[in-house]
PDB file of all heavy atoms in Angstrom:
ATOM      1  N   PRO A   1      94.411 106.212 120.465  1.00  0.00           N
ATOM      2  CA  PRO A   1      93.993 107.622 120.343  1.00  0.00           C
ATOM      3  C   PRO A   1      92.661 107.741 119.606  1.00  0.00           C
ATOM      4  O   PRO A   1      92.206 106.809 118.949  1.00  0.00           O
ATOM      5  CB  PRO A   1      95.124 108.253 119.534  1.00  0.00           C
ATOM      6  CG  PRO A   1      95.727 107.136 118.769  1.00  0.00           C
ATOM      7  CD  PRO A   1      95.605 105.912 119.653  1.00  0.00           C
ATOM      8  N   PRO A   2      92.018 108.907 119.724  1.00  0.00           N
ATOM      9  CA  PRO A   2      90.742 109.127 119.034  1.00  0.00           C
ATOM     10  C   PRO A   2      90.883 108.922 117.529  1.00  0.00           C
ATOM     11  O   PRO A   2      91.928 109.193 116.939  1.00  0.00           O
ATOM     12  CB  PRO A   2      90.403 110.578 119.370  1.00  0.00           C
ATOM     13  CG  PRO A   2      91.113 110.853 120.642  1.00  0.00           C
ATOM     14  CD  PRO A   2      92.399 110.061 120.545  1.00  0.00           C
ATOM     15  N   ASN A   3      89.804 108.407 116.936  1.00  0.00           N
ATOM     16  CA  ASN A   3      89.780 108.177 115.501  1.00  0.00           C
ATOM     17  C   ASN A   3      88.399 108.599 114.990  1.00  0.00           C
ATOM     18  O   ASN A   3      87.380 108.072 115.441  1.00  0.00           O
ATOM     19  CB  ASN A   3      90.040 106.701 115.207  1.00  0.00           C
ATOM     20  CG  ASN A   3      90.296 106.461 113.732  1.00  0.00           C
ATOM     21  OD1 ASN A   3      90.208 107.382 112.919  1.00  0.00           O
ATOM     22  ND2 ASN A   3      90.605 105.220 113.381  1.00  0.00           N
ATOM     23  N   LEU A   4      88.365 109.574 114.080  1.00  0.00           N
ATOM     24  CA  LEU A   4      87.101 110.072 113.572  1.00  0.00           C
ATOM     25  C   LEU A   4      87.135 110.076 112.051  1.00  0.00           C
ATOM     26  O   LEU A   4      88.155 110.410 111.449  1.00  0.00           O
ATOM     27  CB  LEU A   4      86.825 111.505 114.055  1.00  0.00           C
ATOM     28  CG  LEU A   4      86.779 111.748 115.560  1.00  0.00           C
ATOM     29  CD1 LEU A   4      88.120 112.275 116.029  1.00  0.00           C
ATOM     30  CD2 LEU A   4      85.697 112.769 115.902  1.00  0.00           C
ATOM     31  N   LYS A   5      85.998 109.703 111.460  1.00  0.00           N
ATOM     32  CA  LYS A   5      85.888 109.734 110.011  1.00  0.00           C
ATOM     33  C   LYS A   5      84.457 110.132 109.645  1.00  0.00           C
ATOM     34  O   LYS A   5      83.499 109.527 110.117  1.00  0.00           O
ATOM     35  CB  LYS A   5      86.209 108.370 109.408  1.00  0.00           C
ATOM     36  CG  LYS A   5      86.124 108.336 107.879  1.00  0.00           C
ATOM     37  CD  LYS A   5      86.505 106.955 107.346  1.00  0.00           C
ATOM     38  CE  LYS A   5      86.445 106.916 105.825  1.00  0.00           C
ATOM     39  NZ  LYS A   5      86.818 105.575 105.294  1.00  0.00           N
ATOM     40  N   ILE A   6      84.341 111.159 108.818  1.00  0.00           N
ATOM     41  CA  ILE A   6      83.033 111.644 108.394  1.00  0.00           C
ATOM     42  C   ILE A   6      83.046 111.752 106.876  1.00  0.00           C
ATOM     43  O   ILE A   6      83.955 112.357 106.282  1.00  0.00           O
ATOM     44  CB  ILE A   6      82.700 113.007 109.010  1.00  0.00           C
ATOM     45  CG1 ILE A   6      82.566 112.877 110.530  1.00  0.00           C
ATOM     46  CG2 ILE A   6      81.410 113.580 108.416  1.00  0.00           C
ATOM     47  CD1 ILE A   6      82.270 114.179 111.251  1.00  0.00           C
ATOM     48  N   VAL A   7      82.026 111.158 106.268  1.00  0.00           N
ATOM     49  CA  VAL A   7      81.861 111.253 104.817  1.00  0.00           C
ATOM     50  C   VAL A   7      80.705 112.204 104.545  1.00  0.00           C
ATOM     51  O   VAL A   7      79.594 112.001 105.042  1.00  0.00           O
ATOM     52  CB  VAL A   7      81.569 109.868 104.192  1.00  0.00           C
ATOM     53  CG1 VAL A   7      81.377 110.003 102.673  1.00  0.00           C
ATOM     54  CG2 VAL A   7      82.697 108.885 104.509  1.00  0.00           C
ATOM     55  N   LEU A   8      80.970 113.252 103.767  1.00  0.00           N
ATOM     56  CA  LEU A   8      79.958 114.260 103.461  1.00  0.00           C
ATOM     57  C   LEU A   8      79.337 113.985 102.098  1.00  0.00           C
ATOM     58  O   LEU A   8      79.933 113.309 101.248  1.00  0.00           O
ATOM     59  CB  LEU A   8      80.588 115.657 103.485  1.00  0.00           C
ATOM     60  CG  LEU A   8      81.271 116.055 104.801  1.00  0.00           C
ATOM     61  CD1 LEU A   8      81.966 117.403 104.652  1.00  0.00           C
ATOM     62  CD2 LEU A   8      80.261 116.111 105.940  1.00  0.00           C
ATOM     63  N   ASN A   9      78.154 114.552 101.890  1.00  0.00           N
ATOM     64  CA  ASN A   9      77.441 114.275 100.639  1.00  0.00           C
ATOM     65  C   ASN A   9      78.062 114.969  99.425  1.00  0.00           C
ATOM     66  O   ASN A   9      77.644 114.714  98.301  1.00  0.00           O
ATOM     67  CB  ASN A   9      75.964 114.652 100.772  1.00  0.00           C
ATOM     68  CG  ASN A   9      75.756 116.155 100.904  1.00  0.00           C
ATOM     69  OD1 ASN A   9      76.680 116.884 101.267  1.00  0.00           O
ATOM     70  ND2 ASN A   9      74.551 116.620 100.635  1.00  0.00           N
ATOM     71  N   ASN A  10      78.995 115.869  99.660  1.00  0.00           N
ATOM     72  CA  ASN A  10      79.696 116.484  98.525  1.00  0.00           C
ATOM     73  C   ASN A  10      80.947 115.698  98.137  1.00  0.00           C
ATOM     74  O   ASN A  10      81.741 116.147  97.311  1.00  0.00           O
ATOM     75  CB  ASN A  10      80.058 117.933  98.837  1.00  0.00           C
ATOM     76  CG  ASN A  10      80.985 118.068 100.035  1.00  0.00           C
ATOM     77  OD1 ASN A  10      81.375 117.078 100.651  1.00  0.00           O
ATOM     78  ND2 ASN A  10      81.335 119.296 100.383  1.00  0.00           N
ATOM     79  N   GLY A  11      81.112 114.536  98.784  1.00  0.00           N
ATOM     80  CA  GLY A  11      82.239 113.672  98.449  1.00  0.00           C
ATOM     81  C   GLY A  11      83.443 113.845  99.327  1.00  0.00           C
ATOM     82  O   GLY A  11      84.370 113.014  99.303  1.00  0.00           O
ATOM     83  N   LEU A  12      83.494 114.888 100.115  1.00  0.00           N
ATOM     84  CA  LEU A  12      84.647 115.100 101.002  1.00  0.00           C
ATOM     85  C   LEU A  12      84.684 114.029 102.089  1.00  0.00           C
ATOM     86  O   LEU A  12      83.645 113.644 102.635  1.00  0.00           O
ATOM     87  CB  LEU A  12      84.589 116.483 101.645  1.00  0.00           C
ATOM     88  CG  LEU A  12      84.893 117.691 100.761  1.00  0.00           C
ATOM     89  CD1 LEU A  12      84.791 118.969 101.584  1.00  0.00           C
ATOM     90  CD2 LEU A  12      86.272 117.600 100.123  1.00  0.00           C
ATOM     91  N   ILE A  13      85.877 113.591 102.415  1.00  0.00           N
ATOM     92  CA  ILE A  13      86.091 112.664 103.530  1.00  0.00           C
ATOM     93  C   ILE A  13      86.954 113.393 104.553  1.00  0.00           C
ATOM     94  O   ILE A  13      88.063 113.850 104.252  1.00  0.00           O
ATOM     95  CB  ILE A  13      86.785 111.378 103.063  1.00  0.00           C
ATOM     96  CG1 ILE A  13      85.915 110.653 102.020  1.00  0.00           C
ATOM     97  CG2 ILE A  13      87.055 110.458 104.255  1.00  0.00           C
ATOM     98  CD1 ILE A  13      86.594 109.445 101.402  1.00  0.00           C
ATOM     99  N   VAL A  14      86.431 113.534 105.769  1.00  0.00           N
ATOM    100  CA  VAL A  14      87.119 114.263 106.838  1.00  0.00           C
ATOM    101  C   VAL A  14      87.564 113.250 107.880  1.00  0.00           C
ATOM    102  O   VAL A  14      86.740 112.489 108.410  1.00  0.00           O
ATOM    103  CB  VAL A  14      86.197 115.327 107.475  1.00  0.00           C
ATOM    104  CG1 VAL A  14      86.949 116.083 108.564  1.00  0.00           C
ATOM    105  CG2 VAL A  14      85.671 116.283 106.412  1.00  0.00           C
ATOM    106  N   GLU A  15      88.862 113.228 108.195  1.00  0.00           N
ATOM    107  CA  GLU A  15      89.392 112.271 109.161  1.00  0.00           C
ATOM    108  C   GLU A  15      90.269 112.982 110.188  1.00  0.00           C
ATOM    109  O   GLU A  15      90.948 113.948 109.871  1.00  0.00           O
ATOM    110  CB  GLU A  15      90.215 111.201 108.432  1.00  0.00           C
ATOM    111  CG  GLU A  15      89.419 110.360 107.442  1.00  0.00           C
ATOM    112  CD  GLU A  15      90.312 109.390 106.695  1.00  0.00           C
ATOM    113  OE1 GLU A  15      90.920 109.833 105.684  1.00  0.00           O
ATOM    114  OE2 GLU A  15      90.407 108.230 107.109  1.00  0.00           O
ATOM    115  N   ARG A  16      90.229 112.449 111.411  1.00  0.00           N
ATOM    116  CA  ARG A  16      91.168 112.851 112.471  1.00  0.00           C
ATOM    117  C   ARG A  16      91.634 111.562 113.135  1.00  0.00           C
ATOM    118  O   ARG A  16      90.817 110.827 113.710  1.00  0.00           O
ATOM    119  CB  ARG A  16      90.504 113.783 113.492  1.00  0.00           C
ATOM    120  CG  ARG A  16      90.246 115.186 112.969  1.00  0.00           C
ATOM    121  CD  ARG A  16      89.750 116.116 114.072  1.00  0.00           C
ATOM    122  NE  ARG A  16      89.490 117.443 113.568  1.00  0.00           N
ATOM    123  CZ  ARG A  16      90.406 118.412 113.437  1.00  0.00           C
ATOM    124  NH1 ARG A  16      91.665 118.158 113.797  1.00  0.00           N
ATOM    125  NH2 ARG A  16      90.083 119.589 112.956  1.00  0.00           N
ATOM    126  N   LYS A  17      92.904 111.311 113.062  1.00  0.00           N
ATOM    127  CA  LYS A  17      93.419 110.066 113.634  1.00  0.00           C
ATOM    128  C   LYS A  17      94.906 110.226 113.961  1.00  0.00           C
ATOM    129  O   LYS A  17      95.533 111.230 113.615  1.00  0.00           O
ATOM    130  CB  LYS A  17      93.204 108.902 112.668  1.00  0.00           C
ATOM    131  CG  LYS A  17      93.838 109.082 111.291  1.00  0.00           C
ATOM    132  CD  LYS A  17      93.459 107.932 110.378  1.00  0.00           C
ATOM    133  CE  LYS A  17      94.042 108.157 108.970  1.00  0.00           C
ATOM    134  NZ  LYS A  17      93.680 107.045 108.049  1.00  0.00           N
ATOM    135  N   GLY A  18      95.414 109.218 114.623  1.00  0.00           N
ATOM    136  CA  GLY A  18      96.820 109.264 115.014  1.00  0.00           C
ATOM    137  C   GLY A  18      97.006 109.901 116.377  1.00  0.00           C
ATOM    138  O   GLY A  18      96.056 110.350 117.029  1.00  0.00           O
ATOM    139  N   LYS A  19      98.250 109.955 116.791  1.00  0.00           N
ATOM    140  CA  LYS A  19      98.575 110.450 118.131  1.00  0.00           C
ATOM    141  C   LYS A  19      98.092 111.864 118.370  1.00  0.00           C
ATOM    142  O   LYS A  19      97.577 112.194 119.434  1.00  0.00           O
ATOM    143  CB  LYS A  19     100.094 110.352 118.332  1.00  0.00           C
ATOM    144  CG  LYS A  19     100.537 110.797 119.716  1.00  0.00           C
ATOM    145  CD  LYS A  19     102.041 110.631 119.867  1.00  0.00           C
ATOM    146  CE  LYS A  19     102.497 111.082 121.254  1.00  0.00           C
ATOM    147  NZ  LYS A  19     103.972 110.928 121.425  1.00  0.00           N
ATOM    148  N   ASN A  20      98.237 112.727 117.356  1.00  0.00           N
ATOM    149  CA  ASN A  20      97.845 114.123 117.505  1.00  0.00           C
ATOM    150  C   ASN A  20      96.481 114.421 116.905  1.00  0.00           C
ATOM    151  O   ASN A  20      96.066 115.582 116.832  1.00  0.00           O
ATOM    152  CB  ASN A  20      98.898 115.031 116.856  1.00  0.00           C
ATOM    153  CG  ASN A  20     100.257 114.914 117.524  1.00  0.00           C
ATOM    154  OD1 ASN A  20     100.332 114.824 118.741  1.00  0.00           O
ATOM    155  ND2 ASN A  20     101.313 114.902 116.722  1.00  0.00           N
ATOM    156  N   SER A  21      95.798 113.359 116.441  1.00  0.00           N
ATOM    157  CA  SER A  21      94.475 113.534 115.813  1.00  0.00           C
ATOM    158  C   SER A  21      94.546 114.573 114.705  1.00  0.00           C
ATOM    159  O   SER A  21      93.726 115.487 114.620  1.00  0.00           O
ATOM    160  CB  SER A  21      93.437 113.952 116.860  1.00  0.00           C
ATOM    161  OG  SER A  21      93.325 112.981 117.863  1.00  0.00           O
ATOM    162  N   ALA A  22      95.531 114.411 113.857  1.00  0.00           N
ATOM    163  CA  ALA A  22      95.724 115.375 112.773  1.00  0.00           C
ATOM    164  C   ALA A  22      94.567 115.302 111.784  1.00  0.00           C
ATOM    165  O   ALA A  22      93.996 114.241 111.531  1.00  0.00           O
ATOM    166  CB  ALA A  22      97.041 115.091 112.056  1.00  0.00           C
ATOM    167  N   LEU A  23      94.237 116.461 111.213  1.00  0.00           N
ATOM    168  CA  LEU A  23      93.126 116.573 110.269  1.00  0.00           C
ATOM    169  C   LEU A  23      93.579 116.175 108.871  1.00  0.00           C
ATOM    170  O   LEU A  23      94.634 116.586 108.399  1.00  0.00           O
ATOM    171  CB  LEU A  23      92.587 118.005 110.236  1.00  0.00           C
ATOM    172  CG  LEU A  23      91.512 118.305 109.185  1.00  0.00           C
ATOM    173  CD1 LEU A  23      90.229 117.547 109.491  1.00  0.00           C
ATOM    174  CD2 LEU A  23      91.244 119.810 109.119  1.00  0.00           C
ATOM    175  N   LYS A  24      92.710 115.384 108.222  1.00  0.00           N
ATOM    176  CA  LYS A  24      92.933 115.035 106.822  1.00  0.00           C
ATOM    177  C   LYS A  24      91.605 115.197 106.084  1.00  0.00           C
ATOM    178  O   LYS A  24      90.597 114.591 106.470  1.00  0.00           O
ATOM    179  CB  LYS A  24      93.440 113.600 106.696  1.00  0.00           C
ATOM    180  CG  LYS A  24      93.617 113.134 105.243  1.00  0.00           C
ATOM    181  CD  LYS A  24      94.041 111.676 105.194  1.00  0.00           C
ATOM    182  CE  LYS A  24      94.159 111.194 103.749  1.00  0.00           C
ATOM    183  NZ  LYS A  24      94.507 109.742 103.687  1.00  0.00           N
ATOM    184  N   VAL A  25      91.599 116.047 105.057  1.00  0.00           N
ATOM    185  CA  VAL A  25      90.401 116.276 104.268  1.00  0.00           C
ATOM    186  C   VAL A  25      90.713 115.890 102.827  1.00  0.00           C
ATOM    187  O   VAL A  25      91.623 116.455 102.204  1.00  0.00           O
ATOM    188  CB  VAL A  25      89.935 117.752 104.334  1.00  0.00           C
ATOM    189  CG1 VAL A  25      88.670 117.937 103.490  1.00  0.00           C
ATOM    190  CG2 VAL A  25      89.672 118.166 105.771  1.00  0.00           C
ATOM    191  N   THR A  26      89.979 114.919 102.288  1.00  0.00           N
ATOM    192  CA  THR A  26      90.192 114.445 100.929  1.00  0.00           C
ATOM    193  C   THR A  26      88.973 114.782 100.091  1.00  0.00           C
ATOM    194  O   THR A  26      87.841 114.429 100.464  1.00  0.00           O
ATOM    195  CB  THR A  26      90.436 112.925 100.896  1.00  0.00           C
ATOM    196  OG1 THR A  26      91.485 112.606 101.801  1.00  0.00           O
ATOM    197  CG2 THR A  26      90.786 112.464  99.490  1.00  0.00           C
ATOM    198  N   ASP A  27      89.185 115.483  98.972  1.00  0.00           N
ATOM    199  CA  ASP A  27      88.045 115.845  98.125  1.00  0.00           C
ATOM    200  C   ASP A  27      87.768 114.728  97.124  1.00  0.00           C
ATOM    201  O   ASP A  27      88.542 113.772  97.007  1.00  0.00           O
ATOM    202  CB  ASP A  27      88.286 117.190  97.449  1.00  0.00           C
ATOM    203  CG  ASP A  27      89.377 117.148  96.392  1.00  0.00           C
ATOM    204  OD1 ASP A  27      89.755 116.034  95.979  1.00  0.00           O
ATOM    205  OD2 ASP A  27      89.845 118.222  95.980  1.00  0.00           O
ATOM    206  N   PRO A  28      86.647 114.788  96.389  1.00  0.00           N
ATOM    207  CA  PRO A  28      86.277 113.683  95.488  1.00  0.00           C
ATOM    208  C   PRO A  28      87.327 113.365  94.435  1.00  0.00           C
ATOM    209  O   PRO A  28      87.410 112.232  93.948  1.00  0.00           O
ATOM    210  CB  PRO A  28      84.988 114.189  94.839  1.00  0.00           C
ATOM    211  CG  PRO A  28      84.427 115.159  95.811  1.00  0.00           C
ATOM    212  CD  PRO A  28      85.600 115.804  96.451  1.00  0.00           C
ATOM    213  N   SER A  29      88.136 114.343  94.070  1.00  0.00           N
ATOM    214  CA  SER A  29      89.142 114.097  93.036  1.00  0.00           C
ATOM    215  C   SER A  29      90.410 113.487  93.597  1.00  0.00           C
ATOM    216  O   SER A  29      91.365 113.232  92.874  1.00  0.00           O
ATOM    217  CB  SER A  29      89.483 115.412  92.324  1.00  0.00           C
ATOM    218  OG  SER A  29      90.074 116.327  93.239  1.00  0.00           O
ATOM    219  N   GLY A  30      90.418 113.288  94.929  1.00  0.00           N
ATOM    220  CA  GLY A  30      91.588 112.696  95.547  1.00  0.00           C
ATOM    221  C   GLY A  30      92.582 113.713  96.068  1.00  0.00           C
ATOM    222  O   GLY A  30      93.586 113.353  96.678  1.00  0.00           O
ATOM    223  N   GLN A  31      92.310 115.010  95.845  1.00  0.00           N
ATOM    224  CA  GLN A  31      93.202 116.048  96.336  1.00  0.00           C
ATOM    225  C   GLN A  31      92.991 116.266  97.828  1.00  0.00           C
ATOM    226  O   GLN A  31      91.865 116.161  98.339  1.00  0.00           O
ATOM    227  CB  GLN A  31      92.941 117.354  95.584  1.00  0.00           C
ATOM    228  CG  GLN A  31      93.189 117.261  94.089  1.00  0.00           C
ATOM    229  CD  GLN A  31      94.646 116.983  93.765  1.00  0.00           C
ATOM    230  OE1 GLN A  31      95.550 117.547  94.392  1.00  0.00           O
ATOM    231  NE2 GLN A  31      94.873 116.103  92.795  1.00  0.00           N
ATOM    232  N   LYS A  32      94.041 116.585  98.527  1.00  0.00           N
ATOM    233  CA  LYS A  32      93.930 116.861  99.948  1.00  0.00           C
ATOM    234  C   LYS A  32      93.569 118.315 100.187  1.00  0.00           C
ATOM    235  O   LYS A  32      93.905 119.190  99.398  1.00  0.00           O
ATOM    236  CB  LYS A  32      95.247 116.524 100.659  1.00  0.00           C
ATOM    237  CG  LYS A  32      95.565 115.037 100.677  1.00  0.00           C
ATOM    238  CD  LYS A  32      96.822 114.762 101.472  1.00  0.00           C
ATOM    239  CE  LYS A  32      97.131 113.264 101.508  1.00  0.00           C
ATOM    240  NZ  LYS A  32      98.365 112.975 102.309  1.00  0.00           N
ATOM    241  N   ALA A  33      92.873 118.558 101.298  1.00  0.00           N
ATOM    242  CA  ALA A  33      92.488 119.929 101.675  1.00  0.00           C
ATOM    243  C   ALA A  33      92.589 120.041 103.190  1.00  0.00           C
ATOM    244  O   ALA A  33      93.027 119.102 103.865  1.00  0.00           O
ATOM    245  CB  ALA A  33      91.081 120.240 101.184  1.00  0.00           C
ATOM    246  N   GLY A  34      92.174 121.163 103.729  1.00  0.00           N
ATOM    247  CA  GLY A  34      92.301 121.371 105.166  1.00  0.00           C
ATOM    248  C   GLY A  34      91.100 122.063 105.766  1.00  0.00           C
ATOM    249  O   GLY A  34      90.017 122.115 105.175  1.00  0.00           O
ATOM    250  N   GLN A  35      91.329 122.635 106.979  1.00  0.00           N
ATOM    251  CA  GLN A  35      90.237 123.254 107.734  1.00  0.00           C
ATOM    252  C   GLN A  35      89.629 124.445 106.994  1.00  0.00           C
ATOM    253  O   GLN A  35      88.437 124.708 107.097  1.00  0.00           O
ATOM    254  CB  GLN A  35      90.752 123.718 109.109  1.00  0.00           C
ATOM    255  CG  GLN A  35      89.665 124.196 110.049  1.00  0.00           C
ATOM    256  CD  GLN A  35      88.704 123.090 110.428  1.00  0.00           C
ATOM    257  OE1 GLN A  35      89.118 122.004 110.823  1.00  0.00           O
ATOM    258  NE2 GLN A  35      87.412 123.350 110.305  1.00  0.00           N
TER     259      GLN A  35
END
């Protein structure tokens, strides 16, 4: 399945992976966030 990973300059890491390409947003402190 598609796999995407983007690292932003504010430290956020945006990923879409897995069967449903679910969104995962991780902030610099390690906390998860969303769309």
